Amino acid sequence: MNERRSFFSSPAGGVMTREVGAITGELELHSTVDEDGALALRVRYAGADEWYAVEGGPYRLRDARDAEVLHEVLVAILNRPAA
């Protein structure tokens, strides 16, 4: 299983989660992908214990090797300032 974590500041409007709606502030993104390409995206407040599923999905990659690049792209998108 490929696993990555990154800290970032939320975009305007936050990150939408299934459990609690939008969360904002200093966050951590956790992505995992299994050998079949099933991708799981979770987010939490930086330093918190509880993770939340990012709204959307299910996600599946055609090639599990793309997981690292996808994680970095997601962090860049989620961390960009408002237009």
PDB file of N, CA and C in Angstrom:
ATOM      1  N   MET A   1       0.849  -1.186   0.000  1.00  0.00           N
ATOM      2  CA  MET A   1       0.000   0.000   0.000  1.00  0.00           C
ATOM      3  C   MET A   1       0.884   1.234   0.000  1.00  0.00           C
ATOM      4  N   ASN A   2       0.548   2.189  -0.852  1.00  0.00           N
ATOM      5  CA  ASN A   2       1.252   3.452  -0.954  1.00  0.00           C
ATOM      6  C   ASN A   2       0.529   4.465  -0.068  1.00  0.00           C
ATOM      7  N   GLU A   3       1.268   5.143   0.789  1.00  0.00           N
ATOM      8  CA  GLU A   3       0.676   6.063   1.762  1.00  0.00           C
ATOM      9  C   GLU A   3       1.474   7.353   1.795  1.00  0.00           C
ATOM     10  N   ARG A   4       0.764   8.508   1.798  1.00  0.00           N
ATOM     11  CA  ARG A   4       1.403   9.822   1.861  1.00  0.00           C
ATOM     12  C   ARG A   4       0.621  10.731   2.800  1.00  0.00           C
ATOM     13  N   ARG A   5       1.351  11.657   3.446  1.00  0.00           N
ATOM     14  CA  ARG A   5       0.741  12.668   4.327  1.00  0.00           C
ATOM     15  C   ARG A   5       1.410  14.005   4.071  1.00  0.00           C
ATOM     16  N   SER A   6       0.601  15.067   4.100  1.00  0.00           N
ATOM     17  CA  SER A   6       1.120  16.420   3.925  1.00  0.00           C
ATOM     18  C   SER A   6       0.261  17.399   4.711  1.00  0.00           C
ATOM     19  N   PHE A   7       0.908  18.431   5.234  1.00  0.00           N
ATOM     20  CA  PHE A   7       0.218  19.517   5.915  1.00  0.00           C
ATOM     21  C   PHE A   7       0.005  20.656   4.927  1.00  0.00           C
ATOM     22  N   PHE A   8      -1.120  21.380   5.074  1.00  0.00           N
ATOM     23  CA  PHE A   8      -1.417  22.501   4.201  1.00  0.00           C
ATOM     24  C   PHE A   8      -2.446  23.400   4.881  1.00  0.00           C
ATOM     25  N   SER A   9      -2.567  24.633   4.375  1.00  0.00           N
ATOM     26  CA  SER A   9      -3.603  25.561   4.825  1.00  0.00           C
ATOM     27  C   SER A   9      -4.784  25.406   3.889  1.00  0.00           C
ATOM     28  N   SER A  10      -5.974  25.317   4.446  1.00  0.00           N
ATOM     29  CA  SER A  10      -7.163  25.063   3.624  1.00  0.00           C
ATOM     30  C   SER A  10      -7.436  26.219   2.669  1.00  0.00           C
ATOM     31  N   PRO A  11      -8.080  25.912   1.549  1.00  0.00           N
ATOM     32  CA  PRO A  11      -8.493  26.971   0.632  1.00  0.00           C
ATOM     33  C   PRO A  11      -9.706  27.705   1.199  1.00  0.00           C
ATOM     34  N   ALA A  12     -10.078  28.798   0.572  1.00  0.00           N
ATOM     35  CA  ALA A  12     -11.310  29.499   0.965  1.00  0.00           C
ATOM     36  C   ALA A  12     -12.464  28.517   0.848  1.00  0.00           C
ATOM     37  N   GLY A  13     -13.276  28.432   1.862  1.00  0.00           N
ATOM     38  CA  GLY A  13     -14.392  27.488   1.853  1.00  0.00           C
ATOM     39  C   GLY A  13     -14.039  26.141   2.452  1.00  0.00           C
ATOM     40  N   GLY A  14     -12.763  25.877   2.673  1.00  0.00           N
ATOM     41  CA  GLY A  14     -12.336  24.648   3.327  1.00  0.00           C
ATOM     42  C   GLY A  14     -12.329  23.431   2.422  1.00  0.00           C
ATOM     43  N   VAL A  15     -12.209  22.288   3.045  1.00  0.00           N
ATOM     44  CA  VAL A  15     -12.230  20.998   2.364  1.00  0.00           C
ATOM     45  C   VAL A  15     -13.501  20.278   2.802  1.00  0.00           C
ATOM     46  N   MET A  16     -14.310  19.860   1.848  1.00  0.00           N
ATOM     47  CA  MET A  16     -15.586  19.211   2.160  1.00  0.00           C
ATOM     48  C   MET A  16     -15.353  17.754   2.557  1.00  0.00           C
ATOM     49  N   THR A  17     -15.925  17.387   3.703  1.00  0.00           N
ATOM     50  CA  THR A  17     -15.820  16.013   4.186  1.00  0.00           C
ATOM     51  C   THR A  17     -17.206  15.382   4.264  1.00  0.00           C
ATOM     52  N   ARG A  18     -17.245  14.074   4.252  1.00  0.00           N
ATOM     53  CA  ARG A  18     -18.519  13.352   4.349  1.00  0.00           C
ATOM     54  C   ARG A  18     -19.138  13.472   5.736  1.00  0.00           C
ATOM     55  N   GLU A  19     -18.302  13.473   6.750  1.00  0.00           N
ATOM     56  CA  GLU A  19     -18.796  13.376   8.126  1.00  0.00           C
ATOM     57  C   GLU A  19     -19.237  14.703   8.733  1.00  0.00           C
ATOM     58  N   VAL A  20     -18.481  15.776   8.502  1.00  0.00           N
ATOM     59  CA  VAL A  20     -18.746  17.029   9.210  1.00  0.00           C
ATOM     60  C   VAL A  20     -18.868  18.252   8.303  1.00  0.00           C
ATOM     61  N   GLY A  21     -18.934  18.049   7.001  1.00  0.00           N
ATOM     62  CA  GLY A  21     -18.986  19.177   6.084  1.00  0.00           C
ATOM     63  C   GLY A  21     -17.600  19.772   5.883  1.00  0.00           C
ATOM     64  N   ALA A  22     -17.544  21.067   5.642  1.00  0.00           N
ATOM     65  CA  ALA A  22     -16.268  21.731   5.346  1.00  0.00           C
ATOM     66  C   ALA A  22     -15.451  21.943   6.613  1.00  0.00           C
ATOM     67  N   ILE A  23     -14.146  21.673   6.502  1.00  0.00           N
ATOM     68  CA  ILE A  23     -13.226  22.010   7.590  1.00  0.00           C
ATOM     69  C   ILE A  23     -12.184  22.967   7.035  1.00  0.00           C
ATOM     70  N   THR A  24     -11.741  23.884   7.886  1.00  0.00           N
ATOM     71  CA  THR A  24     -10.831  24.937   7.453  1.00  0.00           C
ATOM     72  C   THR A  24      -9.661  25.044   8.410  1.00  0.00           C
ATOM     73  N   GLY A  25      -8.644  25.764   7.983  1.00  0.00           N
ATOM     74  CA  GLY A  25      -7.496  26.027   8.836  1.00  0.00           C
ATOM     75  C   GLY A  25      -6.295  25.204   8.421  1.00  0.00           C
ATOM     76  N   GLU A  26      -5.442  24.917   9.392  1.00  0.00           N
ATOM     77  CA  GLU A  26      -4.254  24.106   9.141  1.00  0.00           C
ATOM     78  C   GLU A  26      -4.672  22.643   9.159  1.00  0.00           C
ATOM     79  N   LEU A  27      -4.504  21.965   8.033  1.00  0.00           N
ATOM     80  CA  LEU A  27      -5.004  20.605   7.860  1.00  0.00           C
ATOM     81  C   LEU A  27      -3.888  19.658   7.435  1.00  0.00           C
ATOM     82  N   GLU A  28      -4.196  18.365   7.507  1.00  0.00           N
ATOM     83  CA  GLU A  28      -3.290  17.318   7.040  1.00  0.00           C
ATOM     84  C   GLU A  28      -4.064  16.410   6.095  1.00  0.00           C
ATOM     85  N   LEU A  29      -3.495  16.159   4.917  1.00  0.00           N
ATOM     86  CA  LEU A  29      -4.086  15.250   3.944  1.00  0.00           C
ATOM     87  C   LEU A  29      -3.373  13.910   4.023  1.00  0.00           C
ATOM     88  N   HIS A  30      -4.136  12.844   4.053  1.00  0.00           N
ATOM     89  CA  HIS A  30      -3.601  11.478   4.084  1.00  0.00           C
ATOM     90  C   HIS A  30      -4.196  10.735   2.898  1.00  0.00           C
ATOM     91  N   SER A  31      -3.349  10.242   2.023  1.00  0.00           N
ATOM     92  CA  SER A  31      -3.834   9.479   0.873  1.00  0.00           C
ATOM     93  C   SER A  31      -3.211   8.090   0.902  1.00  0.00           C
ATOM     94  N   THR A  32      -4.025   7.094   0.584  1.00  0.00           N
ATOM     95  CA  THR A  32      -3.532   5.725   0.456  1.00  0.00           C
ATOM     96  C   THR A  32      -4.100   5.145  -0.834  1.00  0.00           C
ATOM     97  N   VAL A  33      -3.325   4.265  -1.434  1.00  0.00           N
ATOM     98  CA  VAL A  33      -3.793   3.546  -2.616  1.00  0.00           C
ATOM     99  C   VAL A  33      -3.323   2.109  -2.478  1.00  0.00           C
ATOM    100  N   ASP A  34      -4.235   1.169  -2.742  1.00  0.00           N
ATOM    101  CA  ASP A  34      -3.850  -0.235  -2.651  1.00  0.00           C
ATOM    102  C   ASP A  34      -3.395  -0.737  -4.021  1.00  0.00           C
ATOM    103  N   GLU A  35      -2.976  -1.986  -4.086  1.00  0.00           N
ATOM    104  CA  GLU A  35      -2.432  -2.553  -5.318  1.00  0.00           C
ATOM    105  C   GLU A  35      -3.454  -2.604  -6.458  1.00  0.00           C
ATOM    106  N   ASP A  36      -4.734  -2.513  -6.134  1.00  0.00           N
ATOM    107  CA  ASP A  36      -5.782  -2.504  -7.160  1.00  0.00           C
ATOM    108  C   ASP A  36      -6.116  -1.097  -7.639  1.00  0.00           C
ATOM    109  N   GLY A  37      -5.468  -0.085  -7.065  1.00  0.00           N
ATOM    110  CA  GLY A  37      -5.697   1.297  -7.471  1.00  0.00           C
ATOM    111  C   GLY A  37      -6.780   2.022  -6.699  1.00  0.00           C
ATOM    112  N   ALA A  38      -7.373   1.383  -5.680  1.00  0.00           N
ATOM    113  CA  ALA A  38      -8.392   2.055  -4.865  1.00  0.00           C
ATOM    114  C   ALA A  38      -7.712   3.146  -4.029  1.00  0.00           C
ATOM    115  N   LEU A  39      -8.178   4.367  -4.192  1.00  0.00           N
ATOM    116  CA  LEU A  39      -7.583   5.531  -3.543  1.00  0.00           C
ATOM    117  C   LEU A  39      -8.491   6.019  -2.433  1.00  0.00           C
ATOM    118  N   ALA A  40      -7.929   6.235  -1.255  1.00  0.00           N
ATOM    119  CA  ALA A  40      -8.664   6.793  -0.114  1.00  0.00           C
ATOM    120  C   ALA A  40      -8.030   8.127   0.254  1.00  0.00           C
ATOM    121  N   LEU A  41      -8.864   9.165   0.394  1.00  0.00           N
ATOM    122  CA  LEU A  41      -8.399  10.492   0.787  1.00  0.00           C
ATOM    123  C   LEU A  41      -9.062  10.867   2.098  1.00  0.00           C
ATOM    124  N   ARG A  42      -8.234  11.191   3.089  1.00  0.00           N
ATOM    125  CA  ARG A  42      -8.747  11.615   4.393  1.00  0.00           C
ATOM    126  C   ARG A  42      -8.056  12.910   4.775  1.00  0.00           C
ATOM    127  N   VAL A  43      -8.730  13.686   5.614  1.00  0.00           N
ATOM    128  CA  VAL A  43      -8.183  14.957   6.063  1.00  0.00           C
ATOM    129  C   VAL A  43      -8.507  15.120   7.541  1.00  0.00           C
ATOM    130  N   ARG A  44      -7.646  15.841   8.235  1.00  0.00           N
ATOM    131  CA  ARG A  44      -7.900  16.160   9.650  1.00  0.00           C
ATOM    132  C   ARG A  44      -7.260  17.500   9.962  1.00  0.00           C
ATOM    133  N   TYR A  45      -7.703  18.072  11.089  1.00  0.00           N
ATOM    134  CA  TYR A  45      -7.041  19.273  11.583  1.00  0.00           C
ATOM    135  C   TYR A  45      -5.623  18.874  11.999  1.00  0.00           C
ATOM    136  N   ALA A  46      -4.649  19.709  11.681  1.00  0.00           N
ATOM    137  CA  ALA A  46      -3.258  19.411  12.016  1.00  0.00           C
ATOM    138  C   ALA A  46      -3.136  19.119  13.508  1.00  0.00           C
ATOM    139  N   GLY A  47      -2.582  17.973  13.835  1.00  0.00           N
ATOM    140  CA  GLY A  47      -2.373  17.584  15.223  1.00  0.00           C
ATOM    141  C   GLY A  47      -3.549  16.890  15.881  1.00  0.00           C
ATOM    142  N   ALA A  48      -4.680  16.802  15.199  1.00  0.00           N
ATOM    143  CA  ALA A  48      -5.867  16.148  15.771  1.00  0.00           C
ATOM    144  C   ALA A  48      -5.780  14.638  15.595  1.00  0.00           C
ATOM    145  N   ASP A  49      -6.647  13.928  16.293  1.00  0.00           N
ATOM    146  CA  ASP A  49      -6.683  12.470  16.197  1.00  0.00           C
ATOM    147  C   ASP A  49      -7.672  11.959  15.151  1.00  0.00           C
ATOM    148  N   GLU A  50      -8.777  12.670  14.961  1.00  0.00           N
ATOM    149  CA  GLU A  50      -9.857  12.165  14.119  1.00  0.00           C
ATOM    150  C   GLU A  50      -9.682  12.561  12.654  1.00  0.00           C
ATOM    151  N   TRP A  51      -9.792  11.550  11.776  1.00  0.00           N
ATOM    152  CA  TRP A  51      -9.725  11.752  10.329  1.00  0.00           C
ATOM    153  C   TRP A  51     -11.133  11.784   9.753  1.00  0.00           C
ATOM    154  N   TYR A  52     -11.295  12.532   8.624  1.00  0.00           N
ATOM    155  CA  TYR A  52     -12.562  12.617   7.911  1.00  0.00           C
ATOM    156  C   TYR A  52     -12.324  12.269   6.441  1.00  0.00           C
ATOM    157  N   ALA A  53     -13.273  11.557   5.844  1.00  0.00           N
ATOM    158  CA  ALA A  53     -13.182  11.210   4.427  1.00  0.00           C
ATOM    159  C   ALA A  53     -13.474  12.442   3.580  1.00  0.00           C
ATOM    160  N   VAL A  54     -12.617  12.690   2.591  1.00  0.00           N
ATOM    161  CA  VAL A  54     -12.848  13.796   1.667  1.00  0.00           C
ATOM    162  C   VAL A  54     -14.056  13.446   0.807  1.00  0.00           C
ATOM    163  N   GLU A  55     -14.966  14.402   0.652  1.00  0.00           N
ATOM    164  CA  GLU A  55     -16.200  14.194  -0.118  1.00  0.00           C
ATOM    165  C   GLU A  55     -15.864  13.817  -1.558  1.00  0.00           C
ATOM    166  N   GLY A  56     -16.646  12.904  -2.106  1.00  0.00           N
ATOM    167  CA  GLY A  56     -16.464  12.460  -3.489  1.00  0.00           C
ATOM    168  C   GLY A  56     -16.110  10.989  -3.522  1.00  0.00           C
ATOM    169  N   GLY A  57     -15.742  10.526  -4.684  1.00  0.00           N
ATOM    170  CA  GLY A  57     -15.310   9.144  -4.826  1.00  0.00           C
ATOM    171  C   GLY A  57     -16.480   8.186  -4.974  1.00  0.00           C
ATOM    172  N   PRO A  58     -16.249   6.913  -5.043  1.00  0.00           N
ATOM    173  CA  PRO A  58     -14.937   6.313  -4.804  1.00  0.00           C
ATOM    174  C   PRO A  58     -13.950   6.662  -5.913  1.00  0.00           C
ATOM    175  N   TYR A  59     -12.698   6.650  -5.543  1.00  0.00           N
ATOM    176  CA  TYR A  59     -11.629   6.993  -6.461  1.00  0.00           C
ATOM    177  C   TYR A  59     -10.846   5.731  -6.810  1.00  0.00           C
ATOM    178  N   ARG A  60     -10.443   5.629  -8.056  1.00  0.00           N
ATOM    179  CA  ARG A  60      -9.622   4.501  -8.481  1.00  0.00           C
ATOM    180  C   ARG A  60      -8.605   5.006  -9.506  1.00  0.00           C
ATOM    181  N   LEU A  61      -7.351   4.646  -9.285  1.00  0.00           N
ATOM    182  CA  LEU A  61      -6.286   4.996 -10.217  1.00  0.00           C
ATOM    183  C   LEU A  61      -6.083   3.858 -11.204  1.00  0.00           C
ATOM    184  N   ARG A  62      -5.782   4.186 -12.423  1.00  0.00           N
ATOM    185  CA  ARG A  62      -5.480   3.146 -13.409  1.00  0.00           C
ATOM    186  C   ARG A  62      -4.140   2.493 -13.092  1.00  0.00           C
ATOM    187  N   ASP A  63      -3.239   3.269 -12.500  1.00  0.00           N
ATOM    188  CA  ASP A  63      -1.909   2.764 -12.166  1.00  0.00           C
ATOM    189  C   ASP A  63      -1.561   3.268 -10.762  1.00  0.00           C
ATOM    190  N   ALA A  64      -1.400   2.369  -9.812  1.00  0.00           N
ATOM    191  CA  ALA A  64      -1.127   2.742  -8.418  1.00  0.00           C
ATOM    192  C   ALA A  64       0.151   3.567  -8.282  1.00  0.00           C
ATOM    193  N   ARG A  65       1.041   3.500  -9.258  1.00  0.00           N
ATOM    194  CA  ARG A  65       2.285   4.289  -9.199  1.00  0.00           C
ATOM    195  C   ARG A  65       2.008   5.784  -9.309  1.00  0.00           C
ATOM    196  N   ASP A  66       0.820   6.158  -9.773  1.00  0.00           N
ATOM    197  CA  ASP A  66       0.463   7.579  -9.898  1.00  0.00           C
ATOM    198  C   ASP A  66       0.092   8.213  -8.560  1.00  0.00           C
ATOM    199  N   ALA A  67       0.017   7.441  -7.504  1.00  0.00           N
ATOM    200  CA  ALA A  67      -0.451   7.936  -6.209  1.00  0.00           C
ATOM    201  C   ALA A  67       0.400   9.078  -5.665  1.00  0.00           C
ATOM    202  N   GLU A  68       1.719   8.984  -5.776  1.00  0.00           N
ATOM    203  CA  GLU A  68       2.577  10.033  -5.231  1.00  0.00           C
ATOM    204  C   GLU A  68       2.371  11.357  -5.952  1.00  0.00           C
ATOM    205  N   VAL A  69       2.315  11.310  -7.276  1.00  0.00           N
ATOM    206  CA  VAL A  69       2.108  12.531  -8.060  1.00  0.00           C
ATOM    207  C   VAL A  69       0.733  13.114  -7.760  1.00  0.00           C
ATOM    208  N   LEU A  70      -0.281  12.276  -7.709  1.00  0.00           N
ATOM    209  CA  LEU A  70      -1.633  12.749  -7.418  1.00  0.00           C
ATOM    210  C   LEU A  70      -1.702  13.416  -6.054  1.00  0.00           C
ATOM    211  N   HIS A  71      -1.062  12.840  -5.062  1.00  0.00           N
ATOM    212  CA  HIS A  71      -1.054  13.427  -3.714  1.00  0.00           C
ATOM    213  C   HIS A  71      -0.469  14.837  -3.764  1.00  0.00           C
ATOM    214  N   GLU A  72       0.662  15.007  -4.432  1.00  0.00           N
ATOM    215  CA  GLU A  72       1.305  16.321  -4.503  1.00  0.00           C
ATOM    216  C   GLU A  72       0.425  17.329  -5.251  1.00  0.00           C
ATOM    217  N   VAL A  73      -0.248  16.886  -6.305  1.00  0.00           N
ATOM    218  CA  VAL A  73      -1.156  17.772  -7.044  1.00  0.00           C
ATOM    219  C   VAL A  73      -2.318  18.191  -6.147  1.00  0.00           C
ATOM    220  N   LEU A  74      -2.896  17.253  -5.416  1.00  0.00           N
ATOM    221  CA  LEU A  74      -4.009  17.586  -4.520  1.00  0.00           C
ATOM    222  C   LEU A  74      -3.596  18.597  -3.457  1.00  0.00           C
ATOM    223  N   VAL A  75      -2.434  18.413  -2.861  1.00  0.00           N
ATOM    224  CA  VAL A  75      -1.964  19.363  -1.844  1.00  0.00           C
ATOM    225  C   VAL A  75      -1.776  20.748  -2.472  1.00  0.00           C
ATOM    226  N   ALA A  76      -1.222  20.801  -3.676  1.00  0.00           N
ATOM    227  CA  ALA A  76      -1.020  22.092  -4.339  1.00  0.00           C
ATOM    228  C   ALA A  76      -2.352  22.777  -4.620  1.00  0.00           C
ATOM    229  N   ILE A  77      -3.352  22.013  -5.065  1.00  0.00           N
ATOM    230  CA  ILE A  77      -4.664  22.582  -5.345  1.00  0.00           C
ATOM    231  C   ILE A  77      -5.341  23.042  -4.052  1.00  0.00           C
ATOM    232  N   LEU A  78      -5.281  22.225  -3.024  1.00  0.00           N
ATOM    233  CA  LEU A  78      -5.941  22.566  -1.764  1.00  0.00           C
ATOM    234  C   LEU A  78      -5.266  23.719  -1.040  1.00  0.00           C
ATOM    235  N   ASN A  79      -3.999  23.964  -1.324  1.00  0.00           N
ATOM    236  CA  ASN A  79      -3.230  24.982  -0.623  1.00  0.00           C
ATOM    237  C   ASN A  79      -3.183  26.309  -1.383  1.00  0.00           C
ATOM    238  N   ARG A  80      -3.763  26.397  -2.572  1.00  0.00           N
ATOM    239  CA  ARG A  80      -3.645  27.627  -3.337  1.00  0.00           C
ATOM    240  C   ARG A  80      -4.552  28.720  -2.782  1.00  0.00           C
ATOM    241  N   PRO A  81      -4.113  29.966  -2.896  1.00  0.00           N
ATOM    242  CA  PRO A  81      -4.920  31.071  -2.372  1.00  0.00           C
ATOM    243  C   PRO A  81      -6.153  31.308  -3.232  1.00  0.00           C
ATOM    244  N   ALA A  82      -7.123  31.976  -2.644  1.00  0.00           N
ATOM    245  CA  ALA A  82      -8.356  32.297  -3.362  1.00  0.00           C
ATOM    246  C   ALA A  82      -8.045  33.251  -4.515  1.00  0.00           C
ATOM    247  N   ALA A  83      -8.825  33.141  -5.569  1.00  0.00           N
ATOM    248  CA  ALA A  83      -8.622  34.005  -6.755  1.00  0.00           C
ATOM    249  C   ALA A  83      -9.048  35.416  -6.469  1.00  0.00           C
TER     250      ALA A  83
END
